[in-house]
Amino acid sequence: MDPARPPIPTRRRVLKGAALAVVPYALLPEPSAGARTPAPDHPSAVWQPATSANYTRRRRQPPRRVDLVVIHVTQTDYSNTLAVFQNRRRQVSAHYVVRSRDGHVAQCVRESDIAWHAGNWDYNTRSIGIEHEGWVDRPAYFTNALYEHSARLTAAICDRHGIPKDGAHIIGHHEVPGTDHTDPGPHWDWPRYLRLVNSA
């Protein structure tokens, strides 16, 4: 008995395969509506992805590890922050955004990827960036809900990455070498925030 041979492709199959090979990727159908989005790294976060043009994928390789959380203030509102991260011309992103009024958390970049948030490549490669909706000179934006939900997020990030929960490892954007930013600003209550992180 002859061993089974692969079927000889018909001309139609060959042409169909060749046609698919030259179709631009952008013209192929989107994933079906039922396709599942991977779960966020933080269980209570909602996935709101930044465009992949605004961060670096999976470049955290040993011995480089995450050892910092950088606290930011958006200087705009929550919706506009997400829009900025989704605009490929802006070249900026953060891992998370926390909304002022209710502490709602959006994840925009995977923790395994490098968000472009610190303005310093070395700090980007070793940190998780959290943006907080508000302005540095408007303390009313720093609500109880914002502090509490952000502190739980930061505590969970520290637990996942083995980061000490102290002011040497949870820092403000203004502490990043070479930055001209002042956030989170003089109205950010650091003693309260670190207390909440440690009690979360």
Protein backbone atom coordinates (compact mmCIF):
# COMPACT_ATOMS: atom_id res chain seq x y z
CA MET A 1 0.00 0.00 0.00
CA ASP A 2 1.40 3.39 -0.97
CA PRO A 3 1.83 5.90 1.85
CA ALA A 4 -0.70 8.72 1.76
CA ARG A 5 0.46 11.68 -0.29
CA PRO A 6 -0.48 15.28 0.39
CA PRO A 7 -3.19 16.42 -2.02
CA ILE A 8 -1.98 18.31 -5.09
CA PRO A 9 -3.16 21.91 -4.76
CA THR A 10 -5.56 23.07 -7.41
CA ARG A 11 -4.87 26.22 -9.43
CA ARG A 12 -7.73 27.95 -7.62
CA ARG A 13 -6.18 27.19 -4.19
CA VAL A 14 -2.77 28.45 -5.31
CA LEU A 15 -4.24 31.69 -6.65
CA LYS A 16 -6.34 32.19 -3.53
CA GLY A 17 -3.27 31.71 -1.32
CA ALA A 18 -1.20 34.09 -3.44
CA ALA A 19 -3.93 36.72 -3.29
CA LEU A 20 -4.05 36.52 0.51
CA ALA A 21 -0.28 36.87 0.68
CA VAL A 22 -0.41 40.28 -1.01
CA VAL A 23 -3.45 41.67 0.84
CA PRO A 24 -2.24 44.42 3.19
CA TYR A 25 -2.56 43.41 6.83
CA ALA A 26 -4.74 46.45 7.54
CA LEU A 27 -7.39 45.19 5.11
CA LEU A 28 -7.81 41.84 6.82
CA PRO A 29 -10.90 41.55 9.00
CA GLU A 30 -10.77 42.70 12.61
CA PRO A 31 -11.08 40.05 15.33
CA SER A 32 -14.69 39.06 15.87
CA ALA A 33 -16.77 40.99 18.36
CA GLY A 34 -16.67 37.96 20.64
CA ALA A 35 -12.85 37.85 20.73
CA ARG A 36 -11.62 38.21 24.31
CA THR A 37 -9.37 41.06 25.39
CA PRO A 38 -6.73 39.84 27.86
CA ALA A 39 -7.52 40.77 31.46
CA PRO A 40 -5.77 43.83 32.90
CA ASP A 41 -2.84 43.25 35.26
CA HIS A 42 -4.80 44.93 38.06
CA PRO A 43 -8.11 43.12 38.64
CA SER A 44 -10.30 46.21 39.16
CA ALA A 45 -8.84 48.13 36.20
CA VAL A 46 -10.57 48.51 32.84
CA TRP A 47 -8.44 47.95 29.74
CA GLN A 48 -8.12 51.19 27.71
CA PRO A 49 -5.06 50.51 25.55
CA ALA A 50 -2.63 53.17 24.44
CA THR A 51 -1.59 52.95 20.80
CA SER A 52 1.41 50.66 20.41
CA ALA A 53 3.25 53.63 18.83
CA ASN A 54 3.42 55.23 22.29
CA TYR A 55 5.22 52.58 24.34
CA THR A 56 7.86 49.85 23.99
CA ARG A 57 6.73 46.23 24.00
CA ARG A 58 8.27 43.69 26.38
CA ARG A 59 11.75 45.07 26.83
CA ARG A 60 11.99 44.38 30.58
CA GLN A 61 14.52 41.56 30.57
CA PRO A 62 16.65 40.27 33.44
CA PRO A 63 18.50 41.63 35.27
CA ARG A 64 16.37 44.76 34.71
CA ARG A 65 13.39 44.68 37.03
CA VAL A 66 10.63 47.03 38.04
CA ASP A 67 11.65 48.75 41.25
CA LEU A 68 9.77 52.08 41.15
CA VAL A 69 6.25 53.45 40.92
CA VAL A 70 6.10 56.98 39.50
CA ILE A 71 3.16 59.18 40.51
CA HIS A 72 1.92 61.70 37.93
CA VAL A 73 -0.87 64.26 37.61
CA THR A 74 -2.40 64.56 34.15
CA GLN A 75 -2.83 68.35 33.84
CA THR A 76 -5.99 67.54 31.87
CA ASP A 77 -9.13 65.48 32.38
CA TYR A 78 -9.46 61.69 32.38
CA SER A 79 -11.02 61.35 28.90
CA ASN A 80 -8.45 63.61 27.27
CA THR A 81 -5.62 61.66 28.91
CA LEU A 82 -6.87 58.43 27.33
CA ALA A 83 -7.21 60.21 23.98
CA VAL A 84 -3.62 61.49 24.21
CA PHE A 85 -2.34 57.95 24.89
CA GLN A 86 -4.27 56.70 21.85
CA ASN A 87 -2.83 59.39 19.56
CA ARG A 88 0.29 57.98 17.88
CA ARG A 89 1.73 61.47 17.31
CA ARG A 90 1.89 62.25 21.04
CA GLN A 91 4.57 59.67 21.94
CA VAL A 92 3.53 59.40 25.57
CA SER A 93 1.73 56.87 27.76
CA ALA A 94 1.45 55.58 31.31
CA HIS A 95 0.51 52.17 32.60
CA TYR A 96 -2.54 53.42 34.51
CA VAL A 97 -4.87 56.42 34.79
CA VAL A 98 -6.96 57.06 37.93
CA ARG A 99 -10.13 59.16 37.61
CA SER A 100 -10.71 61.89 40.21
CA ARG A 101 -14.40 61.65 41.06
CA ASP A 102 -14.64 57.92 41.79
CA GLY A 103 -11.13 56.45 41.65
CA HIS A 104 -11.92 54.40 38.54
CA VAL A 105 -8.71 52.85 37.16
CA ALA A 106 -7.89 52.40 33.47
CA GLN A 107 -4.92 50.32 32.37
CA CYS A 108 -3.32 51.61 29.17
CA VAL A 109 -0.03 49.68 28.97
CA ARG A 110 0.81 46.21 30.27
CA GLU A 111 3.13 46.17 33.28
CA SER A 112 5.49 43.95 31.27
CA ASP A 113 5.83 46.73 28.66
CA ILE A 114 7.64 50.06 28.98
CA ALA A 115 5.35 53.09 29.06
CA TRP A 116 6.81 56.43 27.99
CA HIS A 117 5.92 58.46 31.07
CA ALA A 118 9.00 59.56 32.98
CA GLY A 119 10.93 61.50 30.35
CA ASN A 120 14.00 59.43 31.27
CA TRP A 121 14.60 56.12 29.49
CA ASP A 122 16.35 54.46 32.44
CA TYR A 123 13.45 55.34 34.75
CA ASN A 124 10.91 54.23 32.14
CA THR A 125 12.55 50.81 31.93
CA ARG A 126 12.38 50.23 35.69
CA SER A 127 9.07 51.79 36.67
CA ILE A 128 5.29 51.63 36.50
CA GLY A 129 3.68 55.02 35.79
CA ILE A 130 0.34 56.03 37.29
CA GLU A 131 -1.40 59.18 36.04
CA HIS A 132 -4.00 60.87 38.26
CA GLU A 133 -6.70 63.07 36.76
CA GLY A 134 -6.27 66.66 37.81
CA TRP A 135 -4.03 69.69 37.94
CA VAL A 136 -1.14 70.28 40.35
CA ASP A 137 -2.65 73.61 41.50
CA ARG A 138 -6.22 72.31 42.01
CA PRO A 139 -6.22 70.13 45.14
CA ALA A 140 -9.98 69.50 44.88
CA TYR A 141 -9.13 66.89 42.21
CA PHE A 142 -7.28 64.82 44.83
CA THR A 143 -10.42 63.21 46.19
CA ASN A 144 -10.70 60.52 48.85
CA ALA A 145 -11.70 58.05 46.13
CA LEU A 146 -8.67 58.95 44.01
CA TYR A 147 -6.25 58.50 46.92
CA GLU A 148 -7.84 55.25 48.10
CA HIS A 149 -8.11 53.52 44.71
CA SER A 150 -4.66 54.70 43.64
CA ALA A 151 -3.12 53.50 46.92
CA ARG A 152 -4.68 50.04 46.44
CA LEU A 153 -3.33 49.98 42.88
CA THR A 154 0.16 51.00 44.01
CA ALA A 155 0.15 48.46 46.85
CA ALA A 156 -0.79 45.69 44.41
CA ILE A 157 1.93 46.77 41.95
CA CYS A 158 4.48 46.75 44.78
CA ASP A 159 3.34 43.26 45.83
CA ARG A 160 3.52 41.93 42.25
CA HIS A 161 7.03 43.27 41.67
CA GLY A 162 8.53 43.09 45.16
CA ILE A 163 8.87 46.88 45.44
CA PRO A 164 9.28 48.35 48.96
CA LYS A 165 6.31 50.53 49.91
CA ASP A 166 8.26 53.64 50.82
CA GLY A 167 9.09 57.11 49.52
CA ALA A 168 12.34 55.92 47.96
CA HIS A 169 10.47 53.55 45.62
CA ILE A 170 7.13 55.34 45.19
CA ILE A 171 8.17 58.69 43.79
CA GLY A 172 6.76 61.78 42.13
CA HIS A 173 7.43 62.63 38.50
CA HIS A 174 9.35 65.68 39.75
CA GLU A 175 11.92 63.34 41.32
CA VAL A 176 12.95 61.77 38.00
CA PRO A 177 16.41 63.05 37.00
CA GLY A 178 16.34 65.49 34.10
CA THR A 179 12.61 66.22 34.23
CA ASP A 180 11.10 69.70 34.10
CA HIS A 181 7.78 68.46 35.52
CA THR A 182 6.51 69.43 38.96
CA ASP A 183 3.79 66.79 39.41
CA PRO A 184 2.22 65.60 41.55
CA GLY A 185 2.82 69.04 43.04
CA PRO A 186 2.68 70.64 46.49
CA HIS A 187 -0.93 69.65 47.21
CA TRP A 188 -0.31 65.91 46.89
CA ASP A 189 -0.50 64.46 50.42
CA TRP A 190 2.49 62.10 50.48
CA PRO A 191 2.22 61.02 54.16
CA ARG A 192 -1.45 60.14 53.68
CA TYR A 193 -0.78 58.36 50.38
CA LEU A 194 2.06 56.20 51.71
CA ARG A 195 0.00 55.38 54.80
CA LEU A 196 -2.86 54.22 52.55
CA VAL A 197 -0.48 52.17 50.38
CA ASN A 198 0.90 50.42 53.46
CA SER A 199 -2.53 49.70 54.91
CA ALA A 200 -4.08 48.46 51.64
